[in-house]
């Protein structure tokens, strides 16, 4: 009888362990900050034609702080205004998640995006990247998300990225245009190097980006502006 009881307890323990191993990891939103249109004043000389709703995600217990991210979102406004695109809202969500999710690595980050889906386009702020080659920031549009569909329309930014608002605008343009193309024009935002001097966009770049992003549902046409 004692042996049967031991075997039963062992079986129960095995079942509980197996169930725990199959349960998804605990991921939850532990903080939220909203930048409304009134927090993102229009800097364009002509009215905006398209609106952008942006989701920002920061992993807790990384080197990022919300103030830095929100400031960079505000500083992006005049760069996008060149294309008559206005950020109408930007929500920053802080996630508590197991340590492995704090690093950008394709299979792990796919899992995070699948377990905690977010409105797109979405920018994730992580501790670092474990992908090789390593980039400070990486944009995944629809055209280059083939075998990683969970990451479509997302951007992954490592702590320490320099000229943050320029880097974010550069990567966001890649996602909105759904293209990895760069420009060799002087001082263009889409030059391979993101620097404070490289901020300009041409009318043709803007037109292509707006058309693609609107078609993909990432920008909405504004009936009236400012």
C-alpha atoms as a PDB file:
ATOM      1  CA  UNK A   1       0.000   0.000   0.000  1.00  0.00           C
ATOM      2  CA  UNK A   2       2.838   2.403   0.867  1.00  0.00           C
ATOM      3  CA  UNK A   3       4.492   1.622  -2.478  1.00  0.00           C
ATOM      4  CA  UNK A   4       1.263   2.369  -4.337  1.00  0.00           C
ATOM      5  CA  UNK A   5       0.949   5.671  -2.467  1.00  0.00           C
ATOM      6  CA  UNK A   6       4.531   6.623  -3.385  1.00  0.00           C
ATOM      7  CA  UNK A   7       3.921   5.742  -7.037  1.00  0.00           C
ATOM      8  CA  UNK A   8       0.720   7.792  -7.050  1.00  0.00           C
ATOM      9  CA  UNK A   9       2.480  10.793  -5.560  1.00  0.00           C
ATOM     10  CA  UNK A  10       5.324  10.453  -8.072  1.00  0.00           C
ATOM     11  CA  UNK A  11       2.801  10.364 -10.908  1.00  0.00           C
ATOM     12  CA  UNK A  12       1.025  13.438  -9.575  1.00  0.00           C
ATOM     13  CA  UNK A  13       4.329  15.303  -9.253  1.00  0.00           C
ATOM     14  CA  UNK A  14       5.269  14.377 -12.827  1.00  0.00           C
ATOM     15  CA  UNK A  15       1.906  15.608 -14.110  1.00  0.00           C
ATOM     16  CA  UNK A  16       2.176  18.902 -12.217  1.00  0.00           C
ATOM     17  CA  UNK A  17       5.744  19.439 -13.468  1.00  0.00           C
ATOM     18  CA  UNK A  18       4.758  18.700 -17.067  1.00  0.00           C
ATOM     19  CA  UNK A  19       1.812  21.081 -16.824  1.00  0.00           C
ATOM     20  CA  UNK A  20       4.044  23.830 -15.395  1.00  0.00           C
ATOM     21  CA  UNK A  21       6.583  23.340 -18.179  1.00  0.00           C
ATOM     22  CA  UNK A  22       3.861  23.680 -20.801  1.00  0.00           C
ATOM     23  CA  UNK A  23       2.377  26.840 -19.327  1.00  0.00           C
ATOM     24  CA  UNK A  24       3.349  30.066 -21.117  1.00  0.00           C
ATOM     25  CA  UNK A  25       5.788  32.343 -19.261  1.00  0.00           C
ATOM     26  CA  UNK A  26       4.329  35.161 -17.201  1.00  0.00           C
ATOM     27  CA  UNK A  27       4.312  38.373 -19.253  1.00  0.00           C
ATOM     28  CA  UNK A  28       2.262  41.343 -18.121  1.00  0.00           C
ATOM     29  CA  UNK A  29       1.934  45.080 -18.595  1.00  0.00           C
ATOM     30  CA  UNK A  30       3.071  46.784 -15.385  1.00  0.00           C
ATOM     31  CA  UNK A  31       3.082  50.398 -16.517  1.00  0.00           C
ATOM     32  CA  UNK A  32       1.562  52.594 -19.200  1.00  0.00           C
ATOM     33  CA  UNK A  33       2.136  56.179 -20.387  1.00  0.00           C
ATOM     34  CA  UNK A  34       0.154  57.941 -23.110  1.00  0.00           C
ATOM     35  CA  UNK A  35       1.235  60.809 -25.314  1.00  0.00           C
ATOM     36  CA  UNK A  36      -1.919  62.290 -26.794  1.00  0.00           C
ATOM     37  CA  UNK A  37      -2.048  64.619 -29.787  1.00  0.00           C
ATOM     38  CA  UNK A  38      -1.885  67.600 -27.425  1.00  0.00           C
ATOM     39  CA  UNK A  39       1.472  66.292 -26.129  1.00  0.00           C
ATOM     40  CA  UNK A  40       2.802  66.037 -29.684  1.00  0.00           C
ATOM     41  CA  UNK A  41       2.302  69.505 -31.206  1.00  0.00           C
ATOM     42  CA  UNK A  42       2.349  69.771 -34.978  1.00  0.00           C
ATOM     43  CA  UNK A  43       5.584  71.175 -36.412  1.00  0.00           C
ATOM     44  CA  UNK A  44       4.686  71.129 -40.082  1.00  0.00           C
ATOM     45  CA  UNK A  45       4.324  74.216 -42.241  1.00  0.00           C
ATOM     46  CA  UNK A  46       1.303  72.639 -43.978  1.00  0.00           C
ATOM     47  CA  UNK A  47      -1.482  70.521 -42.457  1.00  0.00           C
ATOM     48  CA  UNK A  48      -0.860  66.828 -41.831  1.00  0.00           C
ATOM     49  CA  UNK A  49      -2.477  64.432 -44.284  1.00  0.00           C
ATOM     50  CA  UNK A  50      -1.883  61.162 -42.405  1.00  0.00           C
ATOM     51  CA  UNK A  51      -2.061  60.089 -38.793  1.00  0.00           C
ATOM     52  CA  UNK A  52       0.136  57.541 -37.026  1.00  0.00           C
ATOM     53  CA  UNK A  53      -0.692  55.663 -33.829  1.00  0.00           C
ATOM     54  CA  UNK A  54       2.499  54.321 -32.336  1.00  0.00           C
ATOM     55  CA  UNK A  55       3.004  51.598 -29.739  1.00  0.00           C
ATOM     56  CA  UNK A  56       6.182  51.670 -27.652  1.00  0.00           C
ATOM     57  CA  UNK A  57       7.171  48.691 -25.494  1.00  0.00           C
ATOM     58  CA  UNK A  58       9.933  48.725 -22.905  1.00  0.00           C
ATOM     59  CA  UNK A  59      11.100  45.660 -21.009  1.00  0.00           C
ATOM     60  CA  UNK A  60      11.347  46.214 -17.262  1.00  0.00           C
ATOM     61  CA  UNK A  61      14.755  45.789 -15.615  1.00  0.00           C
ATOM     62  CA  UNK A  62      16.675  47.033 -18.640  1.00  0.00           C
ATOM     63  CA  UNK A  63      18.780  50.183 -18.955  1.00  0.00           C
ATOM     64  CA  UNK A  64      15.860  52.066 -20.525  1.00  0.00           C
ATOM     65  CA  UNK A  65      13.767  54.585 -18.628  1.00  0.00           C
ATOM     66  CA  UNK A  66      10.339  55.806 -19.758  1.00  0.00           C
ATOM     67  CA  UNK A  67      11.346  59.479 -19.806  1.00  0.00           C
ATOM     68  CA  UNK A  68      14.051  58.884 -22.425  1.00  0.00           C
ATOM     69  CA  UNK A  69      11.684  56.958 -24.677  1.00  0.00           C
ATOM     70  CA  UNK A  70       8.847  59.476 -24.415  1.00  0.00           C
ATOM     71  CA  UNK A  71      11.235  62.358 -25.130  1.00  0.00           C
ATOM     72  CA  UNK A  72      12.519  60.586 -28.245  1.00  0.00           C
ATOM     73  CA  UNK A  73       8.945  60.040 -29.463  1.00  0.00           C
ATOM     74  CA  UNK A  74       8.289  63.777 -29.120  1.00  0.00           C
ATOM     75  CA  UNK A  75      11.536  64.612 -30.921  1.00  0.00           C
ATOM     76  CA  UNK A  76      10.477  62.452 -33.872  1.00  0.00           C
ATOM     77  CA  UNK A  77       7.490  64.704 -34.589  1.00  0.00           C
ATOM     78  CA  UNK A  78       9.268  67.281 -36.798  1.00  0.00           C
ATOM     79  CA  UNK A  79      11.101  64.563 -38.737  1.00  0.00           C
ATOM     80  CA  UNK A  80       7.836  62.864 -39.721  1.00  0.00           C
ATOM     81  CA  UNK A  81       6.175  66.240 -40.302  1.00  0.00           C
ATOM     82  CA  UNK A  82       8.305  66.585 -43.439  1.00  0.00           C
ATOM     83  CA  UNK A  83       6.057  63.890 -44.919  1.00  0.00           C
ATOM     84  CA  UNK A  84       2.894  65.486 -43.503  1.00  0.00           C
ATOM     85  CA  UNK A  85       2.570  62.554 -41.095  1.00  0.00           C
ATOM     86  CA  UNK A  86       1.453  63.351 -37.575  1.00  0.00           C
ATOM     87  CA  UNK A  87       1.794  61.099 -34.533  1.00  0.00           C
ATOM     88  CA  UNK A  88      -1.748  61.357 -33.174  1.00  0.00           C
ATOM     89  CA  UNK A  89      -1.019  59.114 -30.189  1.00  0.00           C
ATOM     90  CA  UNK A  90       1.925  57.198 -28.760  1.00  0.00           C
ATOM     91  CA  UNK A  91       1.436  54.717 -25.933  1.00  0.00           C
ATOM     92  CA  UNK A  92       4.370  53.369 -23.963  1.00  0.00           C
ATOM     93  CA  UNK A  93       3.768  50.043 -22.239  1.00  0.00           C
ATOM     94  CA  UNK A  94       6.211  48.527 -19.767  1.00  0.00           C
ATOM     95  CA  UNK A  95       6.361  44.749 -19.734  1.00  0.00           C
ATOM     96  CA  UNK A  96       7.489  42.488 -16.921  1.00  0.00           C
ATOM     97  CA  UNK A  97       8.784  39.287 -18.497  1.00  0.00           C
ATOM     98  CA  UNK A  98      11.366  36.559 -17.912  1.00  0.00           C
ATOM     99  CA  UNK A  99      14.951  37.660 -18.429  1.00  0.00           C
ATOM    100  CA  UNK A 100      15.418  36.060 -21.847  1.00  0.00           C
ATOM    101  CA  UNK A 101      12.853  38.412 -23.381  1.00  0.00           C
ATOM    102  CA  UNK A 102      14.937  41.462 -22.467  1.00  0.00           C
ATOM    103  CA  UNK A 103      17.286  40.684 -25.369  1.00  0.00           C
ATOM    104  CA  UNK A 104      16.427  40.797 -29.044  1.00  0.00           C
ATOM    105  CA  UNK A 105      16.940  37.361 -30.527  1.00  0.00           C
ATOM    106  CA  UNK A 106      14.732  36.248 -33.384  1.00  0.00           C
ATOM    107  CA  UNK A 107      13.179  33.038 -31.955  1.00  0.00           C
ATOM    108  CA  UNK A 108      12.767  34.487 -28.457  1.00  0.00           C
ATOM    109  CA  UNK A 109      11.407  37.813 -29.696  1.00  0.00           C
ATOM    110  CA  UNK A 110       8.965  35.983 -31.960  1.00  0.00           C
ATOM    111  CA  UNK A 111       7.707  34.209 -28.869  1.00  0.00           C
ATOM    112  CA  UNK A 112       7.316  37.503 -27.002  1.00  0.00           C
ATOM    113  CA  UNK A 113       5.391  39.074 -29.871  1.00  0.00           C
ATOM    114  CA  UNK A 114       3.148  36.010 -30.075  1.00  0.00           C
ATOM    115  CA  UNK A 115       2.463  35.773 -26.333  1.00  0.00           C
ATOM    116  CA  UNK A 116       1.940  39.510 -25.802  1.00  0.00           C
ATOM    117  CA  UNK A 117       0.546  40.918 -29.071  1.00  0.00           C
ATOM    118  CA  UNK A 118       0.703  44.693 -29.455  1.00  0.00           C
ATOM    119  CA  UNK A 119      -0.846  47.152 -31.938  1.00  0.00           C
ATOM    120  CA  UNK A 120       1.439  47.890 -34.885  1.00  0.00           C
ATOM    121  CA  UNK A 121       3.640  49.608 -35.770  1.00  0.00           C
ATOM    122  CA  UNK A 122       5.416  48.810 -32.514  1.00  0.00           C
ATOM    123  CA  UNK A 123       8.864  49.742 -31.238  1.00  0.00           C
ATOM    124  CA  UNK A 124      10.465  47.462 -28.617  1.00  0.00           C
ATOM    125  CA  UNK A 125      13.193  48.787 -26.328  1.00  0.00           C
ATOM    126  CA  UNK A 126      15.431  45.937 -25.169  1.00  0.00           C
ATOM    127  CA  UNK A 127      18.667  45.578 -23.241  1.00  0.00           C
ATOM    128  CA  UNK A 128      20.732  44.381 -26.203  1.00  0.00           C
ATOM    129  CA  UNK A 129      20.678  42.152 -29.245  1.00  0.00           C
ATOM    130  CA  UNK A 130      21.947  38.588 -29.395  1.00  0.00           C
ATOM    131  CA  UNK A 131      21.488  38.351 -33.161  1.00  0.00           C
ATOM    132  CA  UNK A 132      24.553  38.365 -35.365  1.00  0.00           C
ATOM    133  CA  UNK A 133      25.453  40.613 -37.030  1.00  0.00           C
ATOM    134  CA  UNK A 134      24.469  42.880 -34.157  1.00  0.00           C
ATOM    135  CA  UNK A 135      22.683  46.162 -34.921  1.00  0.00           C
ATOM    136  CA  UNK A 136      21.727  48.890 -32.449  1.00  0.00           C
ATOM    137  CA  UNK A 137      18.280  48.894 -34.036  1.00  0.00           C
ATOM    138  CA  UNK A 138      16.538  46.586 -36.481  1.00  0.00           C
ATOM    139  CA  UNK A 139      13.331  47.160 -38.434  1.00  0.00           C
ATOM    140  CA  UNK A 140      11.171  44.302 -39.680  1.00  0.00           C
ATOM    141  CA  UNK A 141       8.627  45.242 -42.324  1.00  0.00           C
ATOM    142  CA  UNK A 142       6.345  42.887 -44.175  1.00  0.00           C
ATOM    143  CA  UNK A 143       8.721  42.321 -47.059  1.00  0.00           C
ATOM    144  CA  UNK A 144      11.518  41.002 -44.803  1.00  0.00           C
ATOM    145  CA  UNK A 145       9.416  39.147 -42.224  1.00  0.00           C
ATOM    146  CA  UNK A 146       8.865  36.008 -44.318  1.00  0.00           C
ATOM    147  CA  UNK A 147       9.967  33.328 -41.834  1.00  0.00           C
ATOM    148  CA  UNK A 148       9.276  35.512 -38.784  1.00  0.00           C
ATOM    149  CA  UNK A 149       5.722  36.793 -39.360  1.00  0.00           C
ATOM    150  CA  UNK A 150       5.167  37.633 -35.679  1.00  0.00           C
ATOM    151  CA  UNK A 151       7.754  40.430 -36.015  1.00  0.00           C
ATOM    152  CA  UNK A 152       6.188  42.199 -39.020  1.00  0.00           C
ATOM    153  CA  UNK A 153       5.836  45.979 -38.539  1.00  0.00           C
ATOM    154  CA  UNK A 154       8.110  46.054 -35.484  1.00  0.00           C
ATOM    155  CA  UNK A 155      11.379  47.737 -34.545  1.00  0.00           C
ATOM    156  CA  UNK A 156      13.833  46.479 -31.896  1.00  0.00           C
ATOM    157  CA  UNK A 157      16.167  48.994 -30.267  1.00  0.00           C
ATOM    158  CA  UNK A 158      19.068  48.174 -27.954  1.00  0.00           C
ATOM    159  CA  UNK A 159      19.970  50.328 -24.958  1.00  0.00           C
ATOM    160  CA  UNK A 160      22.693  52.831 -25.719  1.00  0.00           C
ATOM    161  CA  UNK A 161      21.531  53.619 -29.250  1.00  0.00           C
ATOM    162  CA  UNK A 162      22.887  57.054 -30.138  1.00  0.00           C
ATOM    163  CA  UNK A 163      20.832  59.953 -31.526  1.00  0.00           C
ATOM    164  CA  UNK A 164      17.774  58.041 -30.464  1.00  0.00           C
ATOM    165  CA  UNK A 165      15.032  60.115 -32.095  1.00  0.00           C
ATOM    166  CA  UNK A 166      16.866  60.055 -35.441  1.00  0.00           C
ATOM    167  CA  UNK A 167      17.472  56.305 -35.191  1.00  0.00           C
ATOM    168  CA  UNK A 168      13.815  55.703 -34.347  1.00  0.00           C
ATOM    169  CA  UNK A 169      12.583  57.857 -37.240  1.00  0.00           C
ATOM    170  CA  UNK A 170      14.981  56.084 -39.618  1.00  0.00           C
ATOM    171  CA  UNK A 171      13.822  52.602 -38.590  1.00  0.00           C
ATOM    172  CA  UNK A 172      10.178  53.648 -38.507  1.00  0.00           C
ATOM    173  CA  UNK A 173      10.472  54.936 -42.068  1.00  0.00           C
ATOM    174  CA  UNK A 174      11.780  51.497 -43.110  1.00  0.00           C
ATOM    175  CA  UNK A 175       8.691  49.870 -41.582  1.00  0.00           C
ATOM    176  CA  UNK A 176       6.208  52.389 -42.979  1.00  0.00           C
ATOM    177  CA  UNK A 177       7.728  52.203 -46.456  1.00  0.00           C
ATOM    178  CA  UNK A 178       8.142  48.422 -46.099  1.00  0.00           C
ATOM    179  CA  UNK A 179      11.589  48.693 -47.612  1.00  0.00           C
ATOM    180  CA  UNK A 180      15.173  48.293 -46.503  1.00  0.00           C
ATOM    181  CA  UNK A 181      16.395  50.832 -49.060  1.00  0.00           C
ATOM    182  CA  UNK A 182      18.871  53.533 -48.070  1.00  0.00           C
ATOM    183  CA  UNK A 183      19.705  56.855 -49.688  1.00  0.00           C
ATOM    184  CA  UNK A 184      23.038  58.334 -50.683  1.00  0.00           C
ATOM    185  CA  UNK A 185      21.696  61.902 -50.734  1.00  0.00           C
ATOM    186  CA  UNK A 186      23.517  64.270 -48.374  1.00  0.00           C
ATOM    187  CA  UNK A 187      21.848  64.756 -44.990  1.00  0.00           C
ATOM    188  CA  UNK A 188      19.046  62.361 -45.840  1.00  0.00           C
ATOM    189  CA  UNK A 189      17.307  60.547 -42.983  1.00  0.00           C
ATOM    190  CA  UNK A 190      17.649  57.271 -44.868  1.00  0.00           C
ATOM    191  CA  UNK A 191      21.397  57.326 -45.241  1.00  0.00           C
ATOM    192  CA  UNK A 192      22.938  54.179 -43.706  1.00  0.00           C
ATOM    193  CA  UNK A 193      24.415  56.241 -40.851  1.00  0.00           C
ATOM    194  CA  UNK A 194      21.958  57.837 -38.424  1.00  0.00           C
ATOM    195  CA  UNK A 195      23.390  61.141 -37.218  1.00  0.00           C
ATOM    196  CA  UNK A 196      21.892  64.466 -36.077  1.00  0.00           C
ATOM    197  CA  UNK A 197      22.785  65.908 -39.498  1.00  0.00           C
ATOM    198  CA  UNK A 198      20.921  63.207 -41.453  1.00  0.00           C
ATOM    199  CA  UNK A 199      17.289  64.213 -41.031  1.00  0.00           C
ATOM    200  CA  UNK A 200      15.921  65.305 -44.416  1.00  0.00           C
ATOM    201  CA  UNK A 201      13.389  63.484 -46.563  1.00  0.00           C
ATOM    202  CA  UNK A 202      12.476  64.167 -50.190  1.00  0.00           C
ATOM    203  CA  UNK A 203       8.972  64.583 -51.568  1.00  0.00           C
ATOM    204  CA  UNK A 204       9.298  61.334 -53.521  1.00  0.00           C
ATOM    205  CA  UNK A 205      10.416  59.403 -50.433  1.00  0.00           C
ATOM    206  CA  UNK A 206       7.463  60.776 -48.487  1.00  0.00           C
ATOM    207  CA  UNK A 207       4.945  59.996 -51.219  1.00  0.00           C
ATOM    208  CA  UNK A 208       6.144  56.393 -51.513  1.00  0.00           C
ATOM    209  CA  UNK A 209       6.125  55.912 -47.753  1.00  0.00           C
ATOM    210  CA  UNK A 210       2.637  57.365 -47.276  1.00  0.00           C
ATOM    211  CA  UNK A 211       1.127  55.274 -50.065  1.00  0.00           C
ATOM    212  CA  UNK A 212       2.624  52.024 -48.760  1.00  0.00           C
ATOM    213  CA  UNK A 213       1.854  52.668 -45.097  1.00  0.00           C
ATOM    214  CA  UNK A 214      -1.736  53.656 -45.844  1.00  0.00           C
ATOM    215  CA  UNK A 215      -2.202  50.537 -47.964  1.00  0.00           C
ATOM    216  CA  UNK A 216      -0.821  48.385 -45.119  1.00  0.00           C
ATOM    217  CA  UNK A 217      -3.058  50.052 -42.533  1.00  0.00           C
ATOM    218  CA  UNK A 218      -0.184  51.674 -40.625  1.00  0.00           C
ATOM    219  CA  UNK A 219      -1.244  55.244 -41.450  1.00  0.00           C
ATOM    220  CA  UNK A 220      -4.744  56.671 -41.564  1.00  0.00           C
ATOM    221  CA  UNK A 221      -5.892  59.455 -43.859  1.00  0.00           C
ATOM    222  CA  UNK A 222      -6.858  62.555 -41.893  1.00  0.00           C
ATOM    223  CA  UNK A 223     -10.022  64.337 -42.978  1.00  0.00           C
ATOM    224  CA  UNK A 224      -8.757  67.636 -41.630  1.00  0.00           C
ATOM    225  CA  UNK A 225      -5.520  68.456 -39.918  1.00  0.00           C
ATOM    226  CA  UNK A 226      -3.405  70.236 -37.403  1.00  0.00           C
END
